[in-house]
Structures are given as C-alpha cells and as structure tokens.
Amino acid sequence: MSKVSGSSPSIACESATYERLREELEKHHLYEWVVIKEDQLVSLFSSVVNAAVFASEQFGNGPYLIRQVGPITRTFSSAVRFSSAPKSVCATPHYRRGRV
C-alpha cells in the first residue's frame, strides 16, 4: 500500500472512483457527502458528521474517502480523526479557505 504524508494511507483509488462517478453524483446528489471505499460508492449523507461517524464505524482507520459532491468541495481521508463530542459541539474541521 502506498503512503501519503507520512503514515496516512493513500486514497488514490477512492479519488479515481469519485472522478469516475462525478457527473452522475453532481446530477443527483449535489452538495451531499459521499463515502467511498476502494472502487465503491458506499453511502451518501447530508452532513459530514454523519458520513464520518459511519465511515469510522464501518472501516476504522481506512483508507476511505469522504467528499462533498459539487464544484466547491471539502474532502477528508481516513487520516482525519473525528472524536465523539457532546451533541451541542459541532464537529467541523478547522481549515482556512482561500488563504495560502
């Protein structure tokens, strides 16, 4: 298995699967979140939190891909860790949009 940035498993297969399915996904599931494992679209979700919980329960540390469908996307590999938090806490990842 190839590695990306240290110990993170590669998600090249999952990314290729998304690209193969992109047109159909954008037509029917725009802005939903997909979970892709190897060459299979596993499930669709309306929130990244639900997708992350499902993926980590089903596949543990991965590799798998969580990606929002659409032109402006957010992508997460199994290297991103989500922890159980009280329901009042939002599990939104921290990132800086549009800044280098």
N, C-alpha and C. Protein backbone atom coordinates (compact mmCIF):
# COMPACT_ATOMS: atom_id res chain seq x y z
N MET A 1 0.84 -1.17 0.00
CA MET A 1 0.00 0.00 0.00
C MET A 1 0.89 1.23 0.00
N SER A 2 0.58 2.20 -0.88
CA SER A 2 1.38 3.42 -0.90
C SER A 2 0.95 4.36 0.21
N LYS A 3 1.86 5.22 0.61
CA LYS A 3 1.61 6.13 1.71
C LYS A 3 1.68 7.57 1.24
N VAL A 4 0.87 8.43 1.86
CA VAL A 4 0.89 9.86 1.58
C VAL A 4 1.12 10.59 2.88
N SER A 5 1.95 11.59 2.88
CA SER A 5 2.31 12.41 4.05
C SER A 5 2.51 11.58 5.30
N GLY A 6 3.56 10.82 5.30
CA GLY A 6 3.93 10.05 6.48
C GLY A 6 3.18 8.75 6.56
N SER A 7 2.29 8.63 7.55
CA SER A 7 1.64 7.35 7.80
C SER A 7 0.21 7.27 7.27
N SER A 8 -0.27 8.26 6.53
CA SER A 8 -1.63 8.25 6.02
C SER A 8 -1.73 7.33 4.81
N PRO A 9 -2.71 6.40 4.80
CA PRO A 9 -2.87 5.53 3.64
C PRO A 9 -3.28 6.35 2.42
N SER A 10 -2.87 5.93 1.23
CA SER A 10 -3.22 6.61 0.01
C SER A 10 -4.70 6.41 -0.31
N ILE A 11 -5.32 7.46 -0.83
CA ILE A 11 -6.72 7.35 -1.26
C ILE A 11 -6.83 7.56 -2.77
N ALA A 12 -5.78 7.21 -3.50
CA ALA A 12 -5.78 7.38 -4.95
C ALA A 12 -6.91 6.60 -5.61
N CYS A 13 -7.14 5.38 -5.18
CA CYS A 13 -8.21 4.55 -5.75
C CYS A 13 -9.57 5.21 -5.49
N GLU A 14 -9.78 5.68 -4.27
CA GLU A 14 -11.05 6.31 -3.90
C GLU A 14 -11.27 7.60 -4.69
N SER A 15 -10.20 8.38 -4.87
CA SER A 15 -10.30 9.62 -5.64
C SER A 15 -10.64 9.33 -7.10
N ALA A 16 -10.04 8.30 -7.66
CA ALA A 16 -10.34 7.90 -9.04
C ALA A 16 -11.79 7.44 -9.16
N THR A 17 -12.28 6.75 -8.15
CA THR A 17 -13.68 6.31 -8.16
C THR A 17 -14.61 7.50 -8.15
N TYR A 18 -14.30 8.51 -7.32
CA TYR A 18 -15.13 9.72 -7.29
C TYR A 18 -15.14 10.37 -8.68
N GLU A 19 -13.98 10.51 -9.30
CA GLU A 19 -13.91 11.14 -10.62
C GLU A 19 -14.73 10.37 -11.64
N ARG A 20 -14.72 9.06 -11.56
CA ARG A 20 -15.49 8.21 -12.47
C ARG A 20 -16.99 8.45 -12.29
N LEU A 21 -17.42 8.69 -11.05
CA LEU A 21 -18.85 8.86 -10.72
C LEU A 21 -19.30 10.32 -10.68
N ARG A 22 -18.37 11.24 -10.86
CA ARG A 22 -18.64 12.66 -10.64
C ARG A 22 -19.88 13.17 -11.36
N GLU A 23 -20.00 12.95 -12.64
CA GLU A 23 -21.12 13.50 -13.41
C GLU A 23 -22.47 13.05 -12.84
N GLU A 24 -22.60 11.77 -12.58
CA GLU A 24 -23.85 11.23 -12.03
C GLU A 24 -24.12 11.77 -10.62
N LEU A 25 -23.08 11.85 -9.80
CA LEU A 25 -23.25 12.37 -8.45
C LEU A 25 -23.68 13.84 -8.47
N GLU A 26 -23.05 14.64 -9.32
CA GLU A 26 -23.40 16.06 -9.38
C GLU A 26 -24.81 16.27 -9.93
N LYS A 27 -25.27 15.36 -10.76
CA LYS A 27 -26.62 15.45 -11.31
C LYS A 27 -27.69 15.14 -10.26
N HIS A 28 -27.43 14.17 -9.40
CA HIS A 28 -28.47 13.68 -8.49
C HIS A 28 -28.19 13.93 -7.00
N HIS A 29 -26.97 14.27 -6.63
CA HIS A 29 -26.62 14.36 -5.21
C HIS A 29 -25.76 15.58 -4.89
N LEU A 30 -26.00 16.68 -5.58
CA LEU A 30 -25.19 17.88 -5.39
C LEU A 30 -25.19 18.33 -3.93
N TYR A 31 -24.01 18.59 -3.40
CA TYR A 31 -23.74 19.06 -2.04
C TYR A 31 -23.98 18.02 -0.94
N GLU A 32 -24.29 16.79 -1.31
CA GLU A 32 -24.34 15.73 -0.32
C GLU A 32 -22.91 15.23 -0.08
N TRP A 33 -22.74 14.44 0.94
CA TRP A 33 -21.43 13.88 1.29
C TRP A 33 -21.40 12.41 0.91
N VAL A 34 -20.33 11.98 0.24
CA VAL A 34 -20.18 10.59 -0.16
C VAL A 34 -19.09 9.92 0.66
N VAL A 35 -19.28 8.63 0.88
CA VAL A 35 -18.24 7.79 1.48
C VAL A 35 -17.86 6.78 0.40
N ILE A 36 -16.59 6.78 0.04
CA ILE A 36 -16.09 5.87 -0.99
C ILE A 36 -14.98 5.02 -0.38
N LYS A 37 -15.10 3.72 -0.59
CA LYS A 37 -14.10 2.75 -0.13
C LYS A 37 -13.64 1.96 -1.34
N GLU A 38 -12.36 2.03 -1.64
CA GLU A 38 -11.77 1.39 -2.81
C GLU A 38 -12.51 1.86 -4.06
N ASP A 39 -13.13 0.96 -4.81
CA ASP A 39 -13.81 1.38 -6.05
C ASP A 39 -15.33 1.40 -5.92
N GLN A 40 -15.82 1.54 -4.68
CA GLN A 40 -17.27 1.50 -4.44
C GLN A 40 -17.77 2.76 -3.75
N LEU A 41 -18.88 3.32 -4.26
CA LEU A 41 -19.61 4.35 -3.53
C LEU A 41 -20.39 3.61 -2.46
N VAL A 42 -20.05 3.84 -1.20
CA VAL A 42 -20.65 3.08 -0.11
C VAL A 42 -21.94 3.70 0.36
N SER A 43 -21.96 5.02 0.55
CA SER A 43 -23.16 5.66 1.07
C SER A 43 -23.12 7.16 0.83
N LEU A 44 -24.29 7.79 0.98
CA LEU A 44 -24.46 9.24 0.84
C LEU A 44 -25.05 9.79 2.12
N PHE A 45 -24.66 11.02 2.48
CA PHE A 45 -25.12 11.64 3.72
C PHE A 45 -25.37 13.13 3.49
N SER A 46 -26.23 13.70 4.31
CA SER A 46 -26.50 15.14 4.22
C SER A 46 -25.52 15.95 5.07
N SER A 47 -24.77 15.29 5.95
CA SER A 47 -23.79 16.01 6.77
C SER A 47 -22.47 15.26 6.83
N VAL A 48 -21.40 16.03 6.96
CA VAL A 48 -20.07 15.43 7.07
C VAL A 48 -19.94 14.64 8.38
N VAL A 49 -20.60 15.09 9.43
CA VAL A 49 -20.51 14.39 10.71
C VAL A 49 -21.09 12.98 10.58
N ASN A 50 -22.26 12.87 9.97
CA ASN A 50 -22.86 11.54 9.80
C ASN A 50 -22.00 10.65 8.91
N ALA A 51 -21.43 11.24 7.86
CA ALA A 51 -20.55 10.47 6.98
C ALA A 51 -19.32 9.98 7.73
N ALA A 52 -18.73 10.84 8.55
CA ALA A 52 -17.53 10.48 9.30
C ALA A 52 -17.80 9.41 10.34
N VAL A 53 -18.90 9.53 11.04
CA VAL A 53 -19.25 8.51 12.05
C VAL A 53 -19.46 7.16 11.37
N PHE A 54 -20.22 7.16 10.28
CA PHE A 54 -20.47 5.92 9.55
C PHE A 54 -19.16 5.29 9.07
N ALA A 55 -18.32 6.10 8.40
CA ALA A 55 -17.09 5.57 7.83
C ALA A 55 -16.15 5.02 8.89
N SER A 56 -16.01 5.75 10.00
CA SER A 56 -15.10 5.26 11.04
C SER A 56 -15.64 4.01 11.71
N GLU A 57 -16.96 3.89 11.85
CA GLU A 57 -17.54 2.67 12.43
C GLU A 57 -17.40 1.49 11.48
N GLN A 58 -17.57 1.72 10.18
CA GLN A 58 -17.51 0.64 9.20
C GLN A 58 -16.08 0.24 8.84
N PHE A 59 -15.18 1.24 8.73
CA PHE A 59 -13.86 0.97 8.17
C PHE A 59 -12.70 1.31 9.09
N GLY A 60 -12.98 1.74 10.31
CA GLY A 60 -11.91 2.06 11.23
C GLY A 60 -11.03 3.17 10.70
N ASN A 61 -9.73 2.92 10.65
CA ASN A 61 -8.77 3.93 10.22
C ASN A 61 -8.62 4.04 8.70
N GLY A 62 -9.38 3.26 7.94
CA GLY A 62 -9.38 3.42 6.50
C GLY A 62 -8.37 2.55 5.78
N PRO A 63 -8.05 2.90 4.56
CA PRO A 63 -8.37 4.17 3.89
C PRO A 63 -9.78 4.20 3.32
N TYR A 64 -10.35 5.38 3.31
CA TYR A 64 -11.62 5.66 2.67
C TYR A 64 -11.65 7.16 2.38
N LEU A 65 -12.61 7.57 1.56
CA LEU A 65 -12.72 8.97 1.18
C LEU A 65 -14.09 9.49 1.57
N ILE A 66 -14.12 10.65 2.21
CA ILE A 66 -15.36 11.38 2.47
C ILE A 66 -15.23 12.68 1.69
N ARG A 67 -16.21 12.94 0.82
CA ARG A 67 -16.11 14.12 -0.03
C ARG A 67 -17.49 14.71 -0.27
N GLN A 68 -17.55 16.03 -0.29
CA GLN A 68 -18.79 16.71 -0.62
C GLN A 68 -18.88 16.80 -2.14
N VAL A 69 -20.05 16.46 -2.66
CA VAL A 69 -20.29 16.48 -4.10
C VAL A 69 -20.53 17.92 -4.55
N GLY A 70 -19.84 18.33 -5.60
CA GLY A 70 -20.08 19.66 -6.15
C GLY A 70 -18.80 20.37 -6.51
N PRO A 71 -18.96 21.54 -7.10
CA PRO A 71 -17.81 22.29 -7.59
C PRO A 71 -16.90 22.82 -6.48
N ILE A 72 -17.44 23.22 -5.36
CA ILE A 72 -16.64 23.65 -4.21
C ILE A 72 -16.75 22.53 -3.19
N THR A 73 -15.69 21.75 -3.07
CA THR A 73 -15.79 20.55 -2.23
C THR A 73 -14.84 20.60 -1.06
N ARG A 74 -15.17 19.80 -0.09
CA ARG A 74 -14.29 19.53 1.04
C ARG A 74 -14.08 18.02 1.02
N THR A 75 -12.85 17.62 1.12
CA THR A 75 -12.50 16.21 1.05
C THR A 75 -11.78 15.81 2.32
N PHE A 76 -12.12 14.64 2.84
CA PHE A 76 -11.46 14.10 4.02
C PHE A 76 -11.06 12.68 3.75
N SER A 77 -9.85 12.34 4.09
CA SER A 77 -9.44 10.95 4.01
C SER A 77 -9.57 10.36 5.40
N SER A 78 -9.32 9.09 5.50
CA SER A 78 -9.40 8.43 6.80
C SER A 78 -8.33 8.91 7.76
N ALA A 79 -7.38 9.71 7.28
CA ALA A 79 -6.35 10.26 8.16
C ALA A 79 -6.91 11.34 9.08
N VAL A 80 -8.08 11.90 8.73
CA VAL A 80 -8.73 12.89 9.59
C VAL A 80 -9.42 12.15 10.72
N ARG A 81 -9.21 12.59 11.92
CA ARG A 81 -9.80 11.94 13.08
C ARG A 81 -10.99 12.74 13.59
N PHE A 82 -12.12 12.09 13.75
CA PHE A 82 -13.29 12.70 14.36
C PHE A 82 -13.49 12.00 15.69
N SER A 83 -13.76 12.78 16.72
CA SER A 83 -13.99 12.17 18.02
C SER A 83 -15.43 12.39 18.43
N SER A 84 -15.91 11.56 19.33
CA SER A 84 -17.25 11.74 19.85
C SER A 84 -17.25 12.97 20.73
N ALA A 85 -18.17 13.85 20.48
CA ALA A 85 -18.28 15.09 21.25
C ALA A 85 -19.73 15.24 21.69
N PRO A 86 -19.97 16.03 22.72
CA PRO A 86 -21.36 16.26 23.12
C PRO A 86 -22.15 16.79 21.93
N LYS A 87 -23.45 16.48 21.88
CA LYS A 87 -24.27 16.87 20.75
C LYS A 87 -24.30 18.37 20.52
N SER A 88 -23.99 19.15 21.52
CA SER A 88 -24.01 20.60 21.36
C SER A 88 -22.74 21.12 20.68
N VAL A 89 -21.75 20.24 20.49
CA VAL A 89 -20.49 20.64 19.87
C VAL A 89 -20.51 20.22 18.41
N CYS A 90 -20.21 21.16 17.54
CA CYS A 90 -20.16 20.87 16.11
C CYS A 90 -18.79 20.29 15.75
N ALA A 91 -18.78 19.20 15.00
CA ALA A 91 -17.51 18.54 14.62
C ALA A 91 -17.04 19.05 13.26
N THR A 92 -16.94 20.34 13.12
CA THR A 92 -16.49 20.94 11.87
C THR A 92 -14.97 21.01 11.86
N PRO A 93 -14.34 20.56 10.77
CA PRO A 93 -12.89 20.62 10.71
C PRO A 93 -12.42 22.07 10.63
N HIS A 94 -11.22 22.32 11.12
CA HIS A 94 -10.65 23.66 11.06
C HIS A 94 -9.77 23.78 9.84
N TYR A 95 -10.09 24.73 8.99
CA TYR A 95 -9.27 25.00 7.84
C TYR A 95 -9.46 26.46 7.46
N ARG A 96 -8.54 26.98 6.67
CA ARG A 96 -8.60 28.38 6.26
C ARG A 96 -8.89 28.40 4.77
N ARG A 97 -10.06 28.87 4.39
CA ARG A 97 -10.46 28.91 3.00
C ARG A 97 -9.82 30.08 2.26
N GLY A 98 -9.34 29.82 1.09
CA GLY A 98 -8.86 30.87 0.22
C GLY A 98 -7.58 31.55 0.65
N ARG A 99 -6.89 30.99 1.62
CA ARG A 99 -5.63 31.57 2.06
C ARG A 99 -4.50 30.61 1.82
N VAL A 100 -3.38 31.15 1.48
CA VAL A 100 -2.21 30.30 1.22
C VAL A 100 -1.26 30.41 2.38
